[in-house]
Amino acid sequence: MQGNIPETICNVPNLKVLDLSNNSLTGTIPKCLIAMNGTLSILDLGRNKLSGTIDFLPGLGSLRTLPVNCNSLQGKLPKFL
């Protein structure tokens, strides 16, 4: 997969695990993905070409795993991760 993460991914109901690792994804993490409440517990974005900040991630209360290695992201991960 190449290009940006499509915002339509946020329309998937009851999404618990989203593994987008090992692609050539570019751009930023969609705000709608960060705003998903309740179900998303694993979000793997590692080994892509994503950029931007991850400072707004505390809104993901159910998130427990967030690999973001090998990207150009900046900011601090919440302590609960």
C-alpha atoms as a PDB file:
ATOM      1  CA  MET A   1       0.000   0.000   0.000  1.00  0.00           C
ATOM      2  CA  GLN A   2       1.286   3.460  -0.844  1.00  0.00           C
ATOM      3  CA  GLY A   3       0.062   6.992  -0.238  1.00  0.00           C
ATOM      4  CA  ASN A   4      -1.847   8.439   2.692  1.00  0.00           C
ATOM      5  CA  ILE A   5      -3.865   6.466   5.209  1.00  0.00           C
ATOM      6  CA  PRO A   6      -7.429   6.773   3.867  1.00  0.00           C
ATOM      7  CA  GLU A   7      -9.836   8.443   6.284  1.00  0.00           C
ATOM      8  CA  THR A   8     -12.485   5.921   5.258  1.00  0.00           C
ATOM      9  CA  ILE A   9     -10.704   3.441   7.554  1.00  0.00           C
ATOM     10  CA  CYS A  10     -12.330   5.364  10.409  1.00  0.00           C
ATOM     11  CA  ASN A  11     -15.753   4.180   9.225  1.00  0.00           C
ATOM     12  CA  VAL A  12     -15.059   0.537  10.080  1.00  0.00           C
ATOM     13  CA  PRO A  13     -17.293  -0.374  13.045  1.00  0.00           C
ATOM     14  CA  ASN A  14     -15.828  -2.116  16.099  1.00  0.00           C
ATOM     15  CA  LEU A  15     -12.265  -1.903  14.801  1.00  0.00           C
ATOM     16  CA  LYS A  16      -9.971  -3.520  17.393  1.00  0.00           C
ATOM     17  CA  VAL A  17      -6.712  -4.150  15.513  1.00  0.00           C
ATOM     18  CA  LEU A  18      -5.342  -2.108  12.631  1.00  0.00           C
ATOM     19  CA  ASP A  19      -1.997  -3.228  11.202  1.00  0.00           C
ATOM     20  CA  LEU A  20      -0.728  -0.876   8.524  1.00  0.00           C
ATOM     21  CA  SER A  21       2.930  -1.722   9.075  1.00  0.00           C
ATOM     22  CA  ASN A  22       5.511  -2.422   6.365  1.00  0.00           C
ATOM     23  CA  ASN A  23       3.983  -0.233   3.680  1.00  0.00           C
ATOM     24  CA  SER A  24       5.027   2.982   2.003  1.00  0.00           C
ATOM     25  CA  LEU A  25       2.392   5.109   3.707  1.00  0.00           C
ATOM     26  CA  THR A  26       3.109   8.834   3.739  1.00  0.00           C
ATOM     27  CA  GLY A  27       1.509  11.920   5.235  1.00  0.00           C
ATOM     28  CA  THR A  28       0.161  12.248   8.741  1.00  0.00           C
ATOM     29  CA  ILE A  29      -1.938  10.002  10.963  1.00  0.00           C
ATOM     30  CA  PRO A  30      -5.575  10.941  10.249  1.00  0.00           C
ATOM     31  CA  LYS A  31      -7.198  12.777  13.152  1.00  0.00           C
ATOM     32  CA  CYS A  32     -10.334  10.652  12.764  1.00  0.00           C
ATOM     33  CA  LEU A  33      -8.227   7.561  13.488  1.00  0.00           C
ATOM     34  CA  ILE A  34      -6.883   9.158  16.640  1.00  0.00           C
ATOM     35  CA  ALA A  35     -10.384  10.204  17.687  1.00  0.00           C
ATOM     36  CA  MET A  36     -11.815   6.673  17.484  1.00  0.00           C
ATOM     37  CA  ASN A  37     -13.272   5.885  20.882  1.00  0.00           C
ATOM     38  CA  GLY A  38     -13.548   2.623  22.679  1.00  0.00           C
ATOM     39  CA  THR A  39     -12.548  -0.267  20.475  1.00  0.00           C
ATOM     40  CA  LEU A  40      -9.125   0.256  18.888  1.00  0.00           C
ATOM     41  CA  SER A  41      -6.507  -1.478  21.055  1.00  0.00           C
ATOM     42  CA  ILE A  42      -3.688  -2.175  18.567  1.00  0.00           C
ATOM     43  CA  LEU A  43      -2.587   0.344  15.948  1.00  0.00           C
ATOM     44  CA  ASP A  44       0.601  -0.717  14.131  1.00  0.00           C
ATOM     45  CA  LEU A  45       2.006   2.029  11.931  1.00  0.00           C
ATOM     46  CA  GLY A  46       5.634   0.908  12.026  1.00  0.00           C
ATOM     47  CA  ARG A  47       7.977   0.881   9.053  1.00  0.00           C
ATOM     48  CA  ASN A  48       6.260   3.459   6.876  1.00  0.00           C
ATOM     49  CA  LYS A  49       7.093   7.027   5.838  1.00  0.00           C
ATOM     50  CA  LEU A  50       4.593   8.847   8.061  1.00  0.00           C
ATOM     51  CA  SER A  51       5.368  12.338   9.342  1.00  0.00           C
ATOM     52  CA  GLY A  52       3.877  14.851  11.726  1.00  0.00           C
ATOM     53  CA  THR A  53       3.291  14.836  15.440  1.00  0.00           C
ATOM     54  CA  ILE A  54       1.917  12.206  17.785  1.00  0.00           C
ATOM     55  CA  ASP A  55       1.295  14.627  20.659  1.00  0.00           C
ATOM     56  CA  PHE A  56      -2.499  14.316  20.331  1.00  0.00           C
ATOM     57  CA  LEU A  57      -2.645  10.563  21.004  1.00  0.00           C
ATOM     58  CA  PRO A  58      -3.917  10.643  24.619  1.00  0.00           C
ATOM     59  CA  GLY A  59      -7.481  10.567  23.234  1.00  0.00           C
ATOM     60  CA  LEU A  60      -7.062   6.880  22.467  1.00  0.00           C
ATOM     61  CA  GLY A  61      -8.066   5.506  25.865  1.00  0.00           C
ATOM     62  CA  SER A  62      -8.427   1.885  24.735  1.00  0.00           C
ATOM     63  CA  LEU A  63      -5.141   1.825  22.789  1.00  0.00           C
ATOM     64  CA  ARG A  64      -2.557  -0.509  24.332  1.00  0.00           C
ATOM     65  CA  THR A  65      -0.060  -1.087  21.508  1.00  0.00           C
ATOM     66  CA  LEU A  66       1.257   1.529  19.105  1.00  0.00           C
ATOM     67  CA  PRO A  67       4.378   0.615  17.113  1.00  0.00           C
ATOM     68  CA  VAL A  68       5.493   3.715  15.196  1.00  0.00           C
ATOM     69  CA  ASN A  69       9.142   2.823  14.565  1.00  0.00           C
ATOM     70  CA  CYS A  70      10.843   3.695  11.267  1.00  0.00           C
ATOM     71  CA  ASN A  71       8.715   6.774  10.540  1.00  0.00           C
ATOM     72  CA  SER A  72       9.432  10.503  10.760  1.00  0.00           C
ATOM     73  CA  LEU A  73       6.996  11.179  13.605  1.00  0.00           C
ATOM     74  CA  GLN A  74       7.721  13.641  16.377  1.00  0.00           C
ATOM     75  CA  GLY A  75       6.372  14.069  19.875  1.00  0.00           C
ATOM     76  CA  LYS A  76       5.979  11.921  22.955  1.00  0.00           C
ATOM     77  CA  LEU A  77       3.946   8.780  23.387  1.00  0.00           C
ATOM     78  CA  PRO A  78       1.531   8.689  26.314  1.00  0.00           C
ATOM     79  CA  LYS A  79       2.914   6.886  29.366  1.00  0.00           C
ATOM     80  CA  PHE A  80       0.139   4.267  29.279  1.00  0.00           C
ATOM     81  CA  LEU A  81       1.613   2.870  26.055  1.00  0.00           C
END
